[in-house]
Amino acid sequence: MLDRIATILVIIGALNWGGVGLFRFDLVSWIFGGQDSLWARIIYTVVALAGIWCITLLFRPRAEEVYHE
């Protein structure tokens, strides 16, 4: 469950950065009243922590796929 939540937050962060890069529009900043607002900083921090968590997904062994004939 934590993996899914972290992945969703990373996707949200990626979309936000895409908006910044393509349109110079920061959705998080716009919703929460600027980059320096407490709530925006909390969101940025939570998304960053989710990104760090998702790094662990790269190093976990994958479940073996079972093929039935």
Foldseek 3Di string as FASTA:
>chain_A
DLLVVLVVLLVVVVVQVVCCVPPVDRPLQVVQPHCPDPSSVVSVVSNVVSVVVVVVVVVDDDDDDDDDD
